[in-house]
Amino acid sequence: MAIHKDLLGGPPPTHLPDDPEPRELLANGTAPADVAAKYPTSSLAWAQLADEAFERGSVVESYAYARTGYHRGLDALRRSGWKGHGPVPWEHEPNRGFLRALHALARAAQSIGEQEEYERCAGFLRDSSETAAKTLG
């Protein structure tokens, strides 16, 4: 992995440690609820639960799952040296669970009319990873 120095003096990108077990279980069709129960710190499992709930029209449930994944991701980011701002690259696969949870939280907040939270989360997603914001919509 190449390490890039920000010539403008900004914080370096944060790369969460890889935790392949939850990702592999989800990829192999294990129910996200089962993965979240076994790996409750997995933002990816919570993000998938949020997506499933949103798709079936359970927006408040989606919001709750997304918020859980978001907070689990914030905890992981802080443990990885993140200081509250700076890049969280989508290109680093272990970051995607947090970024997906953040996107799901923004989407659910917008759906229930929580405009301030939507704008905060959407801005946070763009600031963390422009690629994630474009990829996730």
Protein backbone atom coordinates (compact mmCIF):
# COMPACT_ATOMS: atom_id res chain seq x y z
CA MET A 1 0.00 0.00 0.00
CA ALA A 2 1.38 3.39 -0.98
CA ILE A 3 1.41 6.10 1.63
CA HIS A 4 0.61 9.53 0.28
CA LYS A 5 1.60 12.70 2.07
CA ASP A 6 -0.92 15.52 1.86
CA LEU A 7 1.13 18.48 0.65
CA LEU A 8 -1.47 20.90 2.05
CA GLY A 9 -0.93 19.61 5.58
CA GLY A 10 -4.24 17.79 6.01
CA PRO A 11 -4.60 14.61 8.02
CA PRO A 12 -3.51 11.38 6.37
CA PRO A 13 -6.17 8.95 5.12
CA THR A 14 -7.52 6.57 7.74
CA HIS A 15 -7.47 2.89 6.83
CA LEU A 16 -9.47 0.66 9.13
CA PRO A 17 -7.94 -2.72 9.92
CA ASP A 18 -9.23 -5.60 7.85
CA ASP A 19 -11.78 -7.88 9.50
CA PRO A 20 -12.52 -10.36 6.71
CA GLU A 21 -14.77 -12.79 8.60
CA PRO A 22 -17.97 -10.68 8.61
CA ARG A 23 -17.39 -9.61 5.00
CA GLU A 24 -16.90 -13.23 3.90
CA LEU A 25 -19.99 -14.43 5.77
CA LEU A 26 -22.11 -11.73 4.14
CA ALA A 27 -20.65 -12.47 0.70
CA ASN A 28 -21.53 -16.13 1.17
CA GLY A 29 -25.16 -15.35 1.95
CA THR A 30 -25.24 -15.39 5.75
CA ALA A 31 -28.08 -13.21 7.00
CA PRO A 32 -26.84 -9.77 8.08
CA ALA A 33 -28.67 -10.15 11.43
CA ASP A 34 -26.70 -13.32 12.13
CA VAL A 35 -23.43 -11.58 11.18
CA ALA A 36 -24.26 -8.55 13.35
CA ALA A 37 -25.05 -10.85 16.27
CA LYS A 38 -21.72 -12.67 15.90
CA TYR A 39 -19.69 -9.54 15.00
CA PRO A 40 -21.52 -6.58 16.59
CA THR A 41 -18.66 -4.20 15.79
CA SER A 42 -19.04 -4.83 12.04
CA SER A 43 -20.32 -1.64 10.42
CA LEU A 44 -20.80 -3.60 7.21
CA ALA A 45 -23.33 -5.98 8.80
CA TRP A 46 -25.28 -3.03 10.26
CA ALA A 47 -25.15 -1.21 6.91
CA GLN A 48 -26.60 -4.24 5.15
CA LEU A 49 -29.34 -4.49 7.76
CA ALA A 50 -30.08 -0.80 7.16
CA ASP A 51 -30.23 -1.33 3.39
CA GLU A 52 -32.58 -4.31 3.72
CA ALA A 53 -34.90 -2.45 6.09
CA PHE A 54 -34.96 0.60 3.80
CA GLU A 55 -35.75 -1.54 0.76
CA ARG A 56 -38.78 -3.04 2.49
CA GLY A 57 -40.02 0.41 3.58
CA SER A 58 -39.01 0.17 7.26
CA VAL A 59 -37.30 3.55 7.33
CA VAL A 60 -37.15 4.01 11.11
CA GLU A 61 -35.66 0.52 11.47
CA SER A 62 -33.16 1.39 8.72
CA TYR A 63 -32.27 4.56 10.60
CA ALA A 64 -31.57 2.60 13.79
CA TYR A 65 -29.41 0.01 12.04
CA ALA A 66 -27.53 2.72 10.16
CA ARG A 67 -26.89 4.70 13.33
CA THR A 68 -25.51 1.58 15.03
CA GLY A 69 -23.17 0.90 12.10
CA TYR A 70 -22.15 4.54 11.99
CA HIS A 71 -21.24 4.63 15.69
CA ARG A 72 -19.41 1.31 15.50
CA GLY A 73 -17.45 2.76 12.58
CA LEU A 74 -16.64 5.96 14.47
CA ASP A 75 -15.26 3.86 17.32
CA ALA A 76 -13.08 1.89 14.88
CA LEU A 77 -11.89 5.07 13.15
CA ARG A 78 -10.85 6.62 16.46
CA ARG A 79 -8.98 3.44 17.44
CA SER A 80 -7.18 3.74 14.08
CA GLY A 81 -5.95 7.27 14.84
CA TRP A 82 -8.68 9.31 13.14
CA LYS A 83 -9.06 12.72 14.80
CA GLY A 84 -12.57 13.63 13.69
CA HIS A 85 -11.83 14.67 10.12
CA GLY A 86 -9.85 13.68 7.09
CA PRO A 87 -10.12 11.13 4.32
CA VAL A 88 -11.63 7.69 4.86
CA PRO A 89 -10.98 6.21 1.40
CA TRP A 90 -13.66 4.03 -0.22
CA GLU A 91 -10.84 2.35 -2.13
CA HIS A 92 -9.72 0.65 1.12
CA GLU A 93 -12.34 -2.10 1.40
CA PRO A 94 -12.45 -2.29 5.23
CA ASN A 95 -13.62 1.38 5.25
CA ARG A 96 -16.70 0.57 3.18
CA GLY A 97 -18.86 -0.68 6.05
CA PHE A 98 -18.55 2.66 7.86
CA LEU A 99 -19.10 4.64 4.67
CA ARG A 100 -22.14 2.56 3.72
CA ALA A 101 -23.60 3.02 7.22
CA LEU A 102 -23.02 6.78 6.98
CA HIS A 103 -24.77 6.84 3.60
CA ALA A 104 -27.66 4.76 4.96
CA LEU A 105 -28.02 7.13 7.92
CA ALA A 106 -28.17 10.15 5.60
CA ARG A 107 -30.75 8.42 3.39
CA ALA A 108 -32.96 7.40 6.32
CA ALA A 109 -32.69 10.84 7.93
CA GLN A 110 -33.81 12.47 4.70
CA SER A 111 -36.70 10.02 4.41
CA ILE A 112 -38.07 10.92 7.83
CA GLY A 113 -37.63 14.65 7.27
CA GLU A 114 -34.62 15.11 9.53
CA GLN A 115 -33.01 17.58 7.14
CA GLU A 116 -30.23 18.81 9.43
CA GLU A 117 -29.03 15.26 10.11
CA TYR A 118 -29.29 14.40 6.41
CA GLU A 119 -27.15 17.40 5.45
CA ARG A 120 -24.58 16.66 8.19
CA CYS A 121 -24.25 13.00 7.18
CA ALA A 122 -24.23 13.69 3.43
CA GLY A 123 -21.51 16.33 3.92
CA PHE A 124 -19.53 14.01 6.19
CA LEU A 125 -19.71 11.28 3.52
CA ARG A 126 -18.49 13.66 0.78
CA ASP A 127 -15.71 14.98 3.02
CA SER A 128 -14.62 11.46 3.97
CA SER A 129 -14.71 9.98 0.47
CA GLU A 130 -15.91 11.66 -2.70
CA THR A 131 -15.73 8.23 -4.35
CA ALA A 132 -18.08 6.75 -1.74
CA ALA A 133 -20.53 9.63 -2.16
CA LYS A 134 -20.58 9.10 -5.94
CA THR A 135 -20.66 5.30 -5.73
CA LEU A 136 -23.47 5.11 -3.16
CA GLY A 137 -25.53 7.89 -4.72
